Structure formats: structure tokens, C-alpha cells
Amino acid sequence: MFFIIGITSGIAELGFRSCGYFPCCSLRGKTALVTCVYKQFTFFFIPLFRFGKRYFISCPDCGAVYEIHREEGKRIERSPGSEINPDQIFRVAGRAARFCPNCGAQVNPDSRFCPNCGARL
């Protein structure tokens, strides 16, 4: 008897969702595409079940990529109209933005003074 089994990877786009806050650019209430990356077990090239799901969202302004905690990802997968809780995301890739504590302007990460107001960083 001959069996063909395997494990493959897949990507599913879950659509655009609103995120309360993107820490990289201080954006509030912007929508971004949520993506689910998974592995699936196949038997005779037929997918049987998925496992190892991970959820990602990227900032629409700077492109920084955030991973969404598994429970939050499952919640937004079940309810398409729900907003992503910003406390449930963490950065995995992308540029690190820095902001002036005095005026809130975005500054270069290696700057010592704010180019907008001159405050020491």
C-alpha cells in the first residue's frame, strides 16, 4: 500500500481591519490588511487540517510588520467587523520610529535633538 502525506505552508488574507493604534507612526484608527500564515497536513494532496496559525498586520504608513497574538487573531478571524486591540500586537519587522516627547514630531532614531522644536531627546 502506498500513501502520500505531507505538510505544506499557506497564506490567507483575512481582509482589511481597523487597528486602534500603530505605535510605529502613532496612527490611530487606520485600516490595514490582516494576513494569516499557517501550515497544513495533506493526505493524497487533499488538505486535512491547518495548524501553526500566525496572524500579521502591517502599518499602512511606514510598512512596519506586527504579529497579532493568537487569541486576538482567532477572534478577528471569527468576527470580520471587529477592531484589533492595539495591546495585542507586537512589532516583528520594519523601521523603528522615534518621536519627540515635547512636540510629538517624528525624529531620526539617532538624533540627539528634535529638528522641529529643538528639545533634547
PDB file of N, CA and C in Angstrom:
ATOM      1  N   MET A   1       0.848  -1.175   0.000  1.00  0.00           N
ATOM      2  CA  MET A   1       0.000   0.000   0.000  1.00  0.00           C
ATOM      3  C   MET A   1       0.894   1.239   0.000  1.00  0.00           C
ATOM      4  N   PHE A   2       0.464   2.271  -0.680  1.00  0.00           N
ATOM      5  CA  PHE A   2       1.252   3.477  -0.872  1.00  0.00           C
ATOM      6  C   PHE A   2       0.450   4.690  -0.406  1.00  0.00           C
ATOM      7  N   PHE A   3       1.032   5.500   0.504  1.00  0.00           N
ATOM      8  CA  PHE A   3       0.360   6.712   0.992  1.00  0.00           C
ATOM      9  C   PHE A   3       1.197   7.930   0.651  1.00  0.00           C
ATOM     10  N   ILE A   4       0.518   8.993   0.266  1.00  0.00           N
ATOM     11  CA  ILE A   4       1.197  10.267   0.015  1.00  0.00           C
ATOM     12  C   ILE A   4       0.692  11.259   1.054  1.00  0.00           C
ATOM     13  N   ILE A   5       1.584  11.590   1.983  1.00  0.00           N
ATOM     14  CA  ILE A   5       1.232  12.567   3.008  1.00  0.00           C
ATOM     15  C   ILE A   5       2.258  13.690   2.966  1.00  0.00           C
ATOM     16  N   GLY A   6       1.880  14.815   3.499  1.00  0.00           N
ATOM     17  CA  GLY A   6       2.814  15.930   3.502  1.00  0.00           C
ATOM     18  C   GLY A   6       2.335  17.085   4.355  1.00  0.00           C
ATOM     19  N   ILE A   7       3.230  18.041   4.517  1.00  0.00           N
ATOM     20  CA  ILE A   7       2.918  19.282   5.228  1.00  0.00           C
ATOM     21  C   ILE A   7       3.295  20.425   4.305  1.00  0.00           C
ATOM     22  N   THR A   8       2.355  21.310   4.073  1.00  0.00           N
ATOM     23  CA  THR A   8       2.596  22.467   3.219  1.00  0.00           C
ATOM     24  C   THR A   8       2.292  23.743   3.988  1.00  0.00           C
ATOM     25  N   SER A   9       2.775  24.855   3.469  1.00  0.00           N
ATOM     26  CA  SER A   9       2.508  26.158   4.067  1.00  0.00           C
ATOM     27  C   SER A   9       1.482  26.898   3.236  1.00  0.00           C
ATOM     28  N   GLY A  10       0.781  27.817   3.871  1.00  0.00           N
ATOM     29  CA  GLY A  10      -0.209  28.605   3.156  1.00  0.00           C
ATOM     30  C   GLY A  10      -0.367  29.983   3.762  1.00  0.00           C
ATOM     31  N   ILE A  11      -0.962  30.867   2.966  1.00  0.00           N
ATOM     32  CA  ILE A  11      -1.247  32.238   3.404  1.00  0.00           C
ATOM     33  C   ILE A  11      -2.695  32.543   3.058  1.00  0.00           C
ATOM     34  N   ALA A  12      -3.405  33.137   4.002  1.00  0.00           N
ATOM     35  CA  ALA A  12      -4.789  33.554   3.766  1.00  0.00           C
ATOM     36  C   ALA A  12      -4.926  35.021   4.177  1.00  0.00           C
ATOM     37  N   GLU A  13      -5.488  35.819   3.290  1.00  0.00           N
ATOM     38  CA  GLU A  13      -5.763  37.217   3.616  1.00  0.00           C
ATOM     39  C   GLU A  13      -7.131  37.289   4.273  1.00  0.00           C
ATOM     40  N   LEU A  14      -7.185  37.887   5.454  1.00  0.00           N
ATOM     41  CA  LEU A  14      -8.434  37.981   6.207  1.00  0.00           C
ATOM     42  C   LEU A  14      -9.179  39.280   5.945  1.00  0.00           C
ATOM     43  N   GLY A  15      -8.647  40.115   5.084  1.00  0.00           N
ATOM     44  CA  GLY A  15      -9.307  41.372   4.750  1.00  0.00           C
ATOM     45  C   GLY A  15      -8.762  42.539   5.555  1.00  0.00           C
ATOM     46  N   PHE A  16      -9.304  43.710   5.271  1.00  0.00           N
ATOM     47  CA  PHE A  16      -8.868  44.926   5.955  1.00  0.00           C
ATOM     48  C   PHE A  16      -9.610  45.072   7.263  1.00  0.00           C
ATOM     49  N   ARG A  17      -8.847  45.362   8.317  1.00  0.00           N
ATOM     50  CA  ARG A  17      -9.415  45.562   9.654  1.00  0.00           C
ATOM     51  C   ARG A  17      -8.875  46.849  10.230  1.00  0.00           C
ATOM     52  N   SER A  18      -9.648  47.440  11.091  1.00  0.00           N
ATOM     53  CA  SER A  18      -9.232  48.668  11.765  1.00  0.00           C
ATOM     54  C   SER A  18      -8.403  48.306  12.986  1.00  0.00           C
ATOM     55  N   CYS A  19      -7.300  49.028  13.164  1.00  0.00           N
ATOM     56  CA  CYS A  19      -6.452  48.839  14.345  1.00  0.00           C
ATOM     57  C   CYS A  19      -6.505  50.135  15.145  1.00  0.00           C
ATOM     58  N   GLY A  20      -6.740  50.027  16.437  1.00  0.00           N
ATOM     59  CA  GLY A  20      -6.883  51.203  17.275  1.00  0.00           C
ATOM     60  C   GLY A  20      -5.675  52.122  17.277  1.00  0.00           C
ATOM     61  N   TYR A  21      -4.460  51.546  17.145  1.00  0.00           N
ATOM     62  CA  TYR A  21      -3.259  52.367  17.266  1.00  0.00           C
ATOM     63  C   TYR A  21      -2.064  51.604  16.725  1.00  0.00           C
ATOM     64  N   PHE A  22      -1.265  52.250  15.860  1.00  0.00           N
ATOM     65  CA  PHE A  22       0.000  51.698  15.391  1.00  0.00           C
ATOM     66  C   PHE A  22       1.115  52.464  16.095  1.00  0.00           C
ATOM     67  N   PRO A  23       1.861  51.839  17.010  1.00  0.00           N
ATOM     68  CA  PRO A  23       2.890  52.540  17.782  1.00  0.00           C
ATOM     69  C   PRO A  23       4.032  53.105  16.943  1.00  0.00           C
ATOM     70  N   CYS A  24       4.317  52.515  15.794  1.00  0.00           N
ATOM     71  CA  CYS A  24       5.464  52.957  14.990  1.00  0.00           C
ATOM     72  C   CYS A  24       5.282  54.383  14.473  1.00  0.00           C
ATOM     73  N   CYS A  25       4.091  54.751  14.077  1.00  0.00           N
ATOM     74  CA  CYS A  25       3.836  56.075  13.483  1.00  0.00           C
ATOM     75  C   CYS A  25       2.788  56.875  14.245  1.00  0.00           C
ATOM     76  N   SER A  26       2.332  56.355  15.358  1.00  0.00           N
ATOM     77  CA  SER A  26       1.283  56.986  16.162  1.00  0.00           C
ATOM     78  C   SER A  26      -0.014  57.176  15.378  1.00  0.00           C
ATOM     79  N   LEU A  27      -0.304  56.250  14.480  1.00  0.00           N
ATOM     80  CA  LEU A  27      -1.551  56.311  13.720  1.00  0.00           C
ATOM     81  C   LEU A  27      -2.675  55.718  14.544  1.00  0.00           C
ATOM     82  N   ARG A  28      -3.817  56.369  14.510  1.00  0.00           N
ATOM     83  CA  ARG A  28      -4.980  55.882  15.250  1.00  0.00           C
ATOM     84  C   ARG A  28      -6.127  55.592  14.289  1.00  0.00           C
ATOM     85  N   GLY A  29      -6.755  54.432  14.480  1.00  0.00           N
ATOM     86  CA  GLY A  29      -7.958  54.087  13.740  1.00  0.00           C
ATOM     87  C   GLY A  29      -7.770  53.831  12.251  1.00  0.00           C
ATOM     88  N   LYS A  30      -6.574  53.484  11.807  1.00  0.00           N
ATOM     89  CA  LYS A  30      -6.339  53.194  10.393  1.00  0.00           C
ATOM     90  C   LYS A  30      -6.655  51.728  10.100  1.00  0.00           C
ATOM     91  N   THR A  31      -7.013  51.467   8.844  1.00  0.00           N
ATOM     92  CA  THR A  31      -7.272  50.092   8.442  1.00  0.00           C
ATOM     93  C   THR A  31      -6.061  49.526   7.716  1.00  0.00           C
ATOM     94  N   ALA A  32      -5.837  48.230   7.887  1.00  0.00           N
ATOM     95  CA  ALA A  32      -4.705  47.552   7.251  1.00  0.00           C
ATOM     96  C   ALA A  32      -5.093  46.103   7.002  1.00  0.00           C
ATOM     97  N   LEU A  33      -4.403  45.492   6.065  1.00  0.00           N
ATOM     98  CA  LEU A  33      -4.673  44.111   5.689  1.00  0.00           C
ATOM     99  C   LEU A  33      -4.131  43.152   6.743  1.00  0.00           C
ATOM    100  N   VAL A  34      -4.970  42.207   7.167  1.00  0.00           N
ATOM    101  CA  VAL A  34      -4.570  41.175   8.120  1.00  0.00           C
ATOM    102  C   VAL A  34      -4.325  39.890   7.340  1.00  0.00           C
ATOM    103  N   THR A  35      -3.193  39.241   7.628  1.00  0.00           N
ATOM    104  CA  THR A  35      -2.803  38.032   6.930  1.00  0.00           C
ATOM    105  C   THR A  35      -2.596  36.897   7.936  1.00  0.00           C
ATOM    106  N   CYS A  36      -3.045  35.707   7.569  1.00  0.00           N
ATOM    107  CA  CYS A  36      -2.850  34.513   8.390  1.00  0.00           C
ATOM    108  C   CYS A  36      -1.882  33.586   7.651  1.00  0.00           C
ATOM    109  N   VAL A  37      -0.812  33.184   8.326  1.00  0.00           N
ATOM    110  CA  VAL A  37       0.159  32.244   7.777  1.00  0.00           C
ATOM    111  C   VAL A  37      -0.018  30.942   8.550  1.00  0.00           C
ATOM    112  N   TYR A  38      -0.062  29.820   7.848  1.00  0.00           N
ATOM    113  CA  TYR A  38      -0.338  28.545   8.501  1.00  0.00           C
ATOM    114  C   TYR A  38       0.387  27.404   7.811  1.00  0.00           C
ATOM    115  N   LYS A  39       0.385  26.258   8.443  1.00  0.00           N
ATOM    116  CA  LYS A  39       0.846  25.007   7.857  1.00  0.00           C
ATOM    117  C   LYS A  39      -0.372  24.094   7.800  1.00  0.00           C
ATOM    118  N   GLN A  40      -0.372  23.171   6.831  1.00  0.00           N
ATOM    119  CA  GLN A  40      -1.493  22.240   6.749  1.00  0.00           C
ATOM    120  C   GLN A  40      -1.002  20.834   6.431  1.00  0.00           C
ATOM    121  N   PHE A  41      -1.675  19.876   6.994  1.00  0.00           N
ATOM    122  CA  PHE A  41      -1.375  18.472   6.787  1.00  0.00           C
ATOM    123  C   PHE A  41      -2.191  17.987   5.603  1.00  0.00           C
ATOM    124  N   THR A  42      -1.544  17.328   4.643  1.00  0.00           N
ATOM    125  CA  THR A  42      -2.248  16.840   3.454  1.00  0.00           C
ATOM    126  C   THR A  42      -2.124  15.319   3.357  1.00  0.00           C
ATOM    127  N   PHE A  43      -3.141  14.732   2.803  1.00  0.00           N
ATOM    128  CA  PHE A  43      -3.195  13.296   2.564  1.00  0.00           C
ATOM    129  C   PHE A  43      -3.657  13.101   1.135  1.00  0.00           C
ATOM    130  N   PHE A  44      -2.804  12.542   0.285  1.00  0.00           N
ATOM    131  CA  PHE A  44      -3.059  12.440  -1.148  1.00  0.00           C
ATOM    132  C   PHE A  44      -3.382  13.808  -1.747  1.00  0.00           C
ATOM    133  N   PHE A  45      -2.601  14.815  -1.351  1.00  0.00           N
ATOM    134  CA  PHE A  45      -2.707  16.196  -1.836  1.00  0.00           C
ATOM    135  C   PHE A  45      -4.014  16.889  -1.442  1.00  0.00           C
ATOM    136  N   ILE A  46      -4.761  16.304  -0.553  1.00  0.00           N
ATOM    137  CA  ILE A  46      -6.000  16.924  -0.060  1.00  0.00           C
ATOM    138  C   ILE A  46      -5.697  17.496   1.320  1.00  0.00           C
ATOM    139  N   PRO A  47      -5.905  18.816   1.505  1.00  0.00           N
ATOM    140  CA  PRO A  47      -5.637  19.399   2.827  1.00  0.00           C
ATOM    141  C   PRO A  47      -6.638  18.881   3.863  1.00  0.00           C
ATOM    142  N   LEU A  48      -6.110  18.355   4.967  1.00  0.00           N
ATOM    143  CA  LEU A  48      -6.981  17.810   6.007  1.00  0.00           C
ATOM    144  C   LEU A  48      -7.224  18.802   7.136  1.00  0.00           C
ATOM    145  N   PHE A  49      -6.146  19.391   7.685  1.00  0.00           N
ATOM    146  CA  PHE A  49      -6.335  20.383   8.749  1.00  0.00           C
ATOM    147  C   PHE A  49      -5.146  21.329   8.771  1.00  0.00           C
ATOM    148  N   ARG A  50      -5.412  22.512   9.315  1.00  0.00           N
ATOM    149  CA  ARG A  50      -4.391  23.555   9.447  1.00  0.00           C
ATOM    150  C   ARG A  50      -3.876  23.583  10.877  1.00  0.00           C
ATOM    151  N   PHE A  51      -2.624  23.971  11.015  1.00  0.00           N
ATOM    152  CA  PHE A  51      -2.048  24.126  12.352  1.00  0.00           C
ATOM    153  C   PHE A  51      -0.955  25.190  12.281  1.00  0.00           C
ATOM    154  N   GLY A  52      -0.500  25.638  13.434  1.00  0.00           N
ATOM    155  CA  GLY A  52       0.573  26.627  13.498  1.00  0.00           C
ATOM    156  C   GLY A  52       0.183  27.976  12.918  1.00  0.00           C
ATOM    157  N   LYS A  53      -1.053  28.397  13.114  1.00  0.00           N
ATOM    158  CA  LYS A  53      -1.502  29.687  12.560  1.00  0.00           C
ATOM    159  C   LYS A  53      -0.819  30.855  13.254  1.00  0.00           C
ATOM    160  N   ARG A  54      -0.414  31.837  12.452  1.00  0.00           N
ATOM    161  CA  ARG A  54       0.134  33.097  12.959  1.00  0.00           C
ATOM    162  C   ARG A  54      -0.526  34.223  12.178  1.00  0.00           C
ATOM    163  N   TYR A  55      -0.822  35.321  12.859  1.00  0.00           N
ATOM    164  CA  TYR A  55      -1.541  36.435  12.255  1.00  0.00           C
ATOM    165  C   TYR A  55      -0.646  37.671  12.219  1.00  0.00           C
ATOM    166  N   PHE A  56      -0.705  38.414  11.097  1.00  0.00           N
ATOM    167  CA  PHE A  56       0.144  39.586  10.919  1.00  0.00           C
ATOM    168  C   PHE A  56      -0.661  40.753  10.366  1.00  0.00           C
ATOM    169  N   ILE A  57      -0.211  41.962  10.710  1.00  0.00           N
ATOM    170  CA  ILE A  57      -0.768  43.192  10.159  1.00  0.00           C
ATOM    171  C   ILE A  57       0.401  44.149   9.955  1.00  0.00           C
ATOM    172  N   SER A  58       0.324  44.969   8.908  1.00  0.00           N
ATOM    173  CA  SER A  58       1.410  45.923   8.678  1.00  0.00           C
ATOM    174  C   SER A  58       0.864  47.339   8.695  1.00  0.00           C
ATOM    175  N   CYS A  59       1.679  48.258   9.194  1.00  0.00           N
ATOM    176  CA  CYS A  59       1.304  49.666   9.289  1.00  0.00           C
ATOM    177  C   CYS A  59       1.115  50.220   7.878  1.00  0.00           C
ATOM    178  N   PRO A  60      -0.023  50.878   7.601  1.00  0.00           N
ATOM    179  CA  PRO A  60      -0.244  51.413   6.262  1.00  0.00           C
ATOM    180  C   PRO A  60       0.649  52.605   5.930  1.00  0.00           C
ATOM    181  N   ASP A  61       1.271  53.214   6.926  1.00  0.00           N
ATOM    182  CA  ASP A  61       2.110  54.394   6.687  1.00  0.00           C
ATOM    183  C   ASP A  61       3.567  54.025   6.436  1.00  0.00           C
ATOM    184  N   CYS A  62       4.189  53.288   7.351  1.00  0.00           N
ATOM    185  CA  CYS A  62       5.628  53.001   7.231  1.00  0.00           C
ATOM    186  C   CYS A  62       5.934  51.559   6.842  1.00  0.00           C
ATOM    187  N   GLY A  63       4.956  50.668   6.885  1.00  0.00           N
ATOM    188  CA  GLY A  63       5.175  49.284   6.486  1.00  0.00           C
ATOM    189  C   GLY A  63       5.716  48.375   7.572  1.00  0.00           C
ATOM    190  N   ALA A  64       5.821  48.864   8.812  1.00  0.00           N
ATOM    191  CA  ALA A  64       6.286  48.012   9.908  1.00  0.00           C
ATOM    192  C   ALA A  64       5.313  46.848  10.081  1.00  0.00           C
ATOM    193  N   VAL A  65       5.843  45.646  10.288  1.00  0.00           N
ATOM    194  CA  VAL A  65       5.024  44.451  10.406  1.00  0.00           C
ATOM    195  C   VAL A  65       4.856  44.087  11.873  1.00  0.00           C
ATOM    196  N   TYR A  66       3.613  43.799  12.259  1.00  0.00           N
ATOM    197  CA  TYR A  66       3.276  43.413  13.624  1.00  0.00           C
ATOM    198  C   TYR A  66       2.645  42.033  13.611  1.00  0.00           C
ATOM    199  N   GLU A  67       3.007  41.223  14.608  1.00  0.00           N
ATOM    200  CA  GLU A  67       2.322  39.946  14.785  1.00  0.00           C
ATOM    201  C   GLU A  67       1.205  40.161  15.789  1.00  0.00           C
ATOM    202  N   ILE A  68       0.079  39.539  15.516  1.00  0.00           N
ATOM    203  CA  ILE A  68      -1.090  39.630  16.394  1.00  0.00           C
ATOM    204  C   ILE A  68      -1.099  38.384  17.265  1.00  0.00           C
ATOM    205  N   HIS A  69      -1.331  38.549  18.566  1.00  0.00           N
ATOM    206  CA  HIS A  69      -1.398  37.400  19.465  1.00  0.00           C
ATOM    207  C   HIS A  69      -2.443  36.409  18.955  1.00  0.00           C
ATOM    208  N   ARG A  70      -2.181  35.138  19.174  1.00  0.00           N
ATOM    209  CA  ARG A  70      -3.020  34.063  18.629  1.00  0.00           C
ATOM    210  C   ARG A  70      -4.502  34.199  19.001  1.00  0.00           C
ATOM    211  N   GLU A  71      -4.807  34.492  20.254  1.00  0.00           N
ATOM    212  CA  GLU A  71      -6.208  34.596  20.679  1.00  0.00           C
ATOM    213  C   GLU A  71      -6.910  35.755  19.973  1.00  0.00           C
ATOM    214  N   GLU A  72      -6.201  36.880  19.841  1.00  0.00           N
ATOM    215  CA  GLU A  72      -6.761  38.041  19.145  1.00  0.00           C
ATOM    216  C   GLU A  72      -6.958  37.720  17.665  1.00  0.00           C
ATOM    217  N   GLY A  73      -6.022  36.990  17.068  1.00  0.00           N
ATOM    218  CA  GLY A  73      -6.144  36.589  15.672  1.00  0.00           C
ATOM    219  C   GLY A  73      -7.346  35.699  15.435  1.00  0.00           C
ATOM    220  N   LYS A  74      -7.559  34.754  16.333  1.00  0.00           N
ATOM    221  CA  LYS A  74      -8.737  33.877  16.217  1.00  0.00           C
ATOM    222  C   LYS A  74     -10.025  34.686  16.347  1.00  0.00           C
ATOM    223  N   ARG A  75     -10.019  35.665  17.245  1.00  0.00           N
ATOM    224  CA  ARG A  75     -11.209  36.489  17.446  1.00  0.00           C
ATOM    225  C   ARG A  75     -11.536  37.289  16.190  1.00  0.00           C
ATOM    226  N   ILE A  76     -10.535  37.912  15.575  1.00  0.00           N
ATOM    227  CA  ILE A  76     -10.823  38.719  14.389  1.00  0.00           C
ATOM    228  C   ILE A  76     -11.106  37.851  13.165  1.00  0.00           C
ATOM    229  N   GLU A  77     -10.627  36.607  13.185  1.00  0.00           N
ATOM    230  CA  GLU A  77     -10.949  35.677  12.096  1.00  0.00           C
ATOM    231  C   GLU A  77     -12.419  35.272  12.160  1.00  0.00           C
ATOM    232  N   ARG A  78     -12.956  35.127  13.379  1.00  0.00           N
ATOM    233  CA  ARG A  78     -14.362  34.745  13.559  1.00  0.00           C
ATOM    234  C   ARG A  78     -15.326  35.894  13.307  1.00  0.00           C
ATOM    235  N   SER A  79     -14.932  37.119  13.697  1.00  0.00           N
ATOM    236  CA  SER A  79     -15.835  38.271  13.527  1.00  0.00           C
ATOM    237  C   SER A  79     -15.178  39.310  12.622  1.00  0.00           C
ATOM    238  N   PRO A  80     -15.556  39.331  11.346  1.00  0.00           N
ATOM    239  CA  PRO A  80     -14.889  40.193  10.353  1.00  0.00           C
ATOM    240  C   PRO A  80     -14.975  41.692  10.628  1.00  0.00           C
ATOM    241  N   GLY A  81     -15.957  42.166  11.329  1.00  0.00           N
ATOM    242  CA  GLY A  81     -16.103  43.593  11.564  1.00  0.00           C
ATOM    243  C   GLY A  81     -15.404  44.104  12.806  1.00  0.00           C
ATOM    244  N   SER A  82     -14.709  43.239  13.516  1.00  0.00           N
ATOM    245  CA  SER A  82     -14.109  43.649  14.784  1.00  0.00           C
ATOM    246  C   SER A  82     -12.827  44.444  14.584  1.00  0.00           C
ATOM    247  N   GLU A  83     -12.549  45.304  15.559  1.00  0.00           N
ATOM    248  CA  GLU A  83     -11.330  46.114  15.542  1.00  0.00           C
ATOM    249  C   GLU A  83     -10.230  45.401  16.318  1.00  0.00           C
ATOM    250  N   ILE A  84      -9.002  45.533  15.850  1.00  0.00           N
ATOM    251  CA  ILE A  84      -7.857  44.888  16.506  1.00  0.00           C
ATOM    252  C   ILE A  84      -7.458  45.693  17.735  1.00  0.00           C
ATOM    253  N   ASN A  85      -7.278  44.999  18.835  1.00  0.00           N
ATOM    254  CA  ASN A  85      -6.836  45.626  20.075  1.00  0.00           C
ATOM    255  C   ASN A  85      -5.339  45.933  19.944  1.00  0.00           C
ATOM    256  N   PRO A  86      -4.927  47.208  20.039  1.00  0.00           N
ATOM    257  CA  PRO A  86      -3.508  47.539  19.878  1.00  0.00           C
ATOM    258  C   PRO A  86      -2.599  46.955  20.955  1.00  0.00           C
ATOM    259  N   ASP A  87      -3.149  46.540  22.082  1.00  0.00           N
ATOM    260  CA  ASP A  87      -2.345  45.907  23.132  1.00  0.00           C
ATOM    261  C   ASP A  87      -1.994  44.461  22.773  1.00  0.00           C
ATOM    262  N   GLN A  88      -2.627  43.924  21.734  1.00  0.00           N
ATOM    263  CA  GLN A  88      -2.427  42.535  21.347  1.00  0.00           C
ATOM    264  C   GLN A  88      -1.509  42.370  20.133  1.00  0.00           C
ATOM    265  N   ILE A  89      -0.780  43.437  19.749  1.00  0.00           N
ATOM    266  CA  ILE A  89       0.145  43.341  18.625  1.00  0.00           C
ATOM    267  C   ILE A  89       1.559  43.663  19.102  1.00  0.00           C
ATOM    268  N   PHE A  90       2.552  43.072  18.438  1.00  0.00           N
ATOM    269  CA  PHE A  90       3.942  43.408  18.738  1.00  0.00           C
ATOM    270  C   PHE A  90       4.752  43.393  17.444  1.00  0.00           C
ATOM    271  N   ARG A  91       5.690  44.315  17.343  1.00  0.00           N
ATOM    272  CA  ARG A  91       6.470  44.502  16.117  1.00  0.00           C
ATOM    273  C   ARG A  91       7.436  43.346  15.901  1.00  0.00           C
ATOM    274  N   VAL A  92       7.479  42.868  14.655  1.00  0.00           N
ATOM    275  CA  VAL A  92       8.429  41.818  14.295  1.00  0.00           C
ATOM    276  C   VAL A  92       9.391  42.270  13.203  1.00  0.00           C
ATOM    277  N   ALA A  93       9.042  43.292  12.428  1.00  0.00           N
ATOM    278  CA  ALA A  93       9.920  43.787  11.371  1.00  0.00           C
ATOM    279  C   ALA A  93       9.526  45.215  11.020  1.00  0.00           C
ATOM    280  N   GLY A  94      10.463  45.936  10.427  1.00  0.00           N
ATOM    281  CA  GLY A  94      10.178  47.302   9.999  1.00  0.00           C
ATOM    282  C   GLY A  94      11.007  48.301  10.758  1.00  0.00           C
ATOM    283  N   ARG A  95      10.940  49.515  10.289  1.00  0.00           N
ATOM    284  CA  ARG A  95      11.765  50.552  10.892  1.00  0.00           C
ATOM    285  C   ARG A  95      11.258  50.931  12.272  1.00  0.00           C
ATOM    286  N   ALA A  96      12.178  51.345  13.103  1.00  0.00           N
ATOM    287  CA  ALA A  96      11.828  51.805  14.436  1.00  0.00           C
ATOM    288  C   ALA A  96      11.697  53.319  14.399  1.00  0.00           C
ATOM    289  N   ALA A  97      10.513  53.794  14.641  1.00  0.00           N
ATOM    290  CA  ALA A  97      10.281  55.235  14.639  1.00  0.00           C
ATOM    291  C   ALA A  97      10.501  55.784  16.045  1.00  0.00           C
ATOM    292  N   ARG A  98      10.867  57.041  16.115  1.00  0.00           N
ATOM    293  CA  ARG A  98      11.090  57.707  17.389  1.00  0.00           C
ATOM    294  C   ARG A  98      10.389  59.051  17.326  1.00  0.00           C
ATOM    295  N   PHE A  99       9.800  59.463  18.429  1.00  0.00           N
ATOM    296  CA  PHE A  99       9.035  60.703  18.468  1.00  0.00           C
ATOM    297  C   PHE A  99       9.529  61.599  19.597  1.00  0.00           C
ATOM    298  N   CYS A 100       9.433  62.896  19.356  1.00  0.00           N
ATOM    299  CA  CYS A 100       9.842  63.882  20.350  1.00  0.00           C
ATOM    300  C   CYS A 100       8.842  63.886  21.506  1.00  0.00           C
ATOM    301  N   PRO A 101       9.313  63.792  22.749  1.00  0.00           N
ATOM    302  CA  PRO A 101       8.387  63.819  23.882  1.00  0.00           C
ATOM    303  C   PRO A 101       7.784  65.207  24.114  1.00  0.00           C
ATOM    304  N   ASN A 102       8.405  66.233  23.559  1.00  0.00           N
ATOM    305  CA  ASN A 102       7.926  67.599  23.757  1.00  0.00           C
ATOM    306  C   ASN A 102       6.823  67.978  22.768  1.00  0.00           C
ATOM    307  N   CYS A 103       7.080  67.785  21.453  1.00  0.00           N
ATOM    308  CA  CYS A 103       6.116  68.230  20.444  1.00  0.00           C
ATOM    309  C   CYS A 103       5.449  67.084  19.692  1.00  0.00           C
ATOM    310  N   GLY A 104       5.963  65.843  19.816  1.00  0.00           N
ATOM    311  CA  GLY A 104       5.359  64.690  19.157  1.00  0.00           C
ATOM    312  C   GLY A 104       5.791  64.482  17.719  1.00  0.00           C
ATOM    313  N   ALA A 105       6.730  65.280  17.221  1.00  0.00           N
ATOM    314  CA  ALA A 105       7.205  65.140  15.844  1.00  0.00           C
ATOM    315  C   ALA A 105       8.076  63.896  15.715  1.00  0.00           C
ATOM    316  N   GLN A 106       8.013  63.254  14.548  1.00  0.00           N
ATOM    317  CA  GLN A 106       8.853  62.094  14.306  1.00  0.00           C
ATOM    318  C   GLN A 106      10.284  62.559  14.048  1.00  0.00           C
ATOM    319  N   VAL A 107      11.233  61.885  14.704  1.00  0.00           N
ATOM    320  CA  VAL A 107      12.637  62.246  14.574  1.00  0.00           C
ATOM    321  C   VAL A 107      13.451  61.021  14.166  1.00  0.00           C
ATOM    322  N   ASN A 108      14.633  61.253  13.653  1.00  0.00           N
ATOM    323  CA  ASN A 108      15.551  60.194  13.281  1.00  0.00           C
ATOM    324  C   ASN A 108      15.959  59.428  14.543  1.00  0.00           C
ATOM    325  N   PRO A 109      16.013  58.086  14.502  1.00  0.00           N
ATOM    326  CA  PRO A 109      16.347  57.323  15.713  1.00  0.00           C
ATOM    327  C   PRO A 109      17.702  57.664  16.335  1.00  0.00           C
ATOM    328  N   ASP A 110      18.675  58.166  15.553  1.00  0.00           N
ATOM    329  CA  ASP A 110      19.960  58.513  16.160  1.00  0.00           C
ATOM    330  C   ASP A 110      20.132  59.998  16.428  1.00  0.00           C
ATOM    331  N   SER A 111      19.050  60.781  16.363  1.00  0.00           N
ATOM    332  CA  SER A 111      19.127  62.216  16.666  1.00  0.00           C
ATOM    333  C   SER A 111      19.215  62.442  18.170  1.00  0.00           C
ATOM    334  N   ARG A 112      19.903  63.507  18.541  1.00  0.00           N
ATOM    335  CA  ARG A 112      20.002  63.867  19.961  1.00  0.00           C
ATOM    336  C   ARG A 112      19.057  65.010  20.305  1.00  0.00           C
ATOM    337  N   PHE A 113      18.638  65.784  19.277  1.00  0.00           N
ATOM    338  CA  PHE A 113      17.731  66.904  19.469  1.00  0.00           C
ATOM    339  C   PHE A 113      16.624  66.834  18.430  1.00  0.00           C
ATOM    340  N   CYS A 114      15.462  67.347  18.792  1.00  0.00           N
ATOM    341  CA  CYS A 114      14.326  67.371  17.868  1.00  0.00           C
ATOM    342  C   CYS A 114      14.550  68.450  16.812  1.00  0.00           C
ATOM    343  N   PRO A 115      14.421  68.116  15.502  1.00  0.00           N
ATOM    344  CA  PRO A 115      14.594  69.128  14.465  1.00  0.00           C
ATOM    345  C   PRO A 115      13.425  70.103  14.393  1.00  0.00           C
ATOM    346  N   ASN A 116      12.302  69.765  15.020  1.00  0.00           N
ATOM    347  CA  ASN A 116      11.120  70.617  14.973  1.00  0.00           C
ATOM    348  C   ASN A 116      11.130  71.675  16.078  1.00  0.00           C
ATOM    349  N   CYS A 117      11.377  71.254  17.326  1.00  0.00           N
ATOM    350  CA  CYS A 117      11.300  72.203  18.449  1.00  0.00           C
ATOM    351  C   CYS A 117      12.640  72.419  19.160  1.00  0.00           C
ATOM    352  N   GLY A 118      13.639  71.563  18.847  1.00  0.00           N
ATOM    353  CA  GLY A 118      14.957  71.723  19.462  1.00  0.00           C
ATOM    354  C   GLY A 118      15.118  71.071  20.829  1.00  0.00           C
ATOM    355  N   ALA A 119      14.101  70.380  21.308  1.00  0.00           N
ATOM    356  CA  ALA A 119      14.177  69.737  22.624  1.00  0.00           C
ATOM    357  C   ALA A 119      15.198  68.595  22.618  1.00  0.00           C
ATOM    358  N   ARG A 120      15.852  68.397  23.756  1.00  0.00           N
ATOM    359  CA  ARG A 120      16.813  67.302  23.893  1.00  0.00           C
ATOM    360  C   ARG A 120      16.047  65.986  23.997  1.00  0.00           C
ATOM    361  N   LEU A 121      16.518  64.992  23.273  1.00  0.00           N
ATOM    362  CA  LEU A 121      15.833  63.675  23.278  1.00  0.00           C
ATOM    363  C   LEU A 121      16.483  62.715  24.239  1.00  0.00           C
TER     364      LEU A 121
END
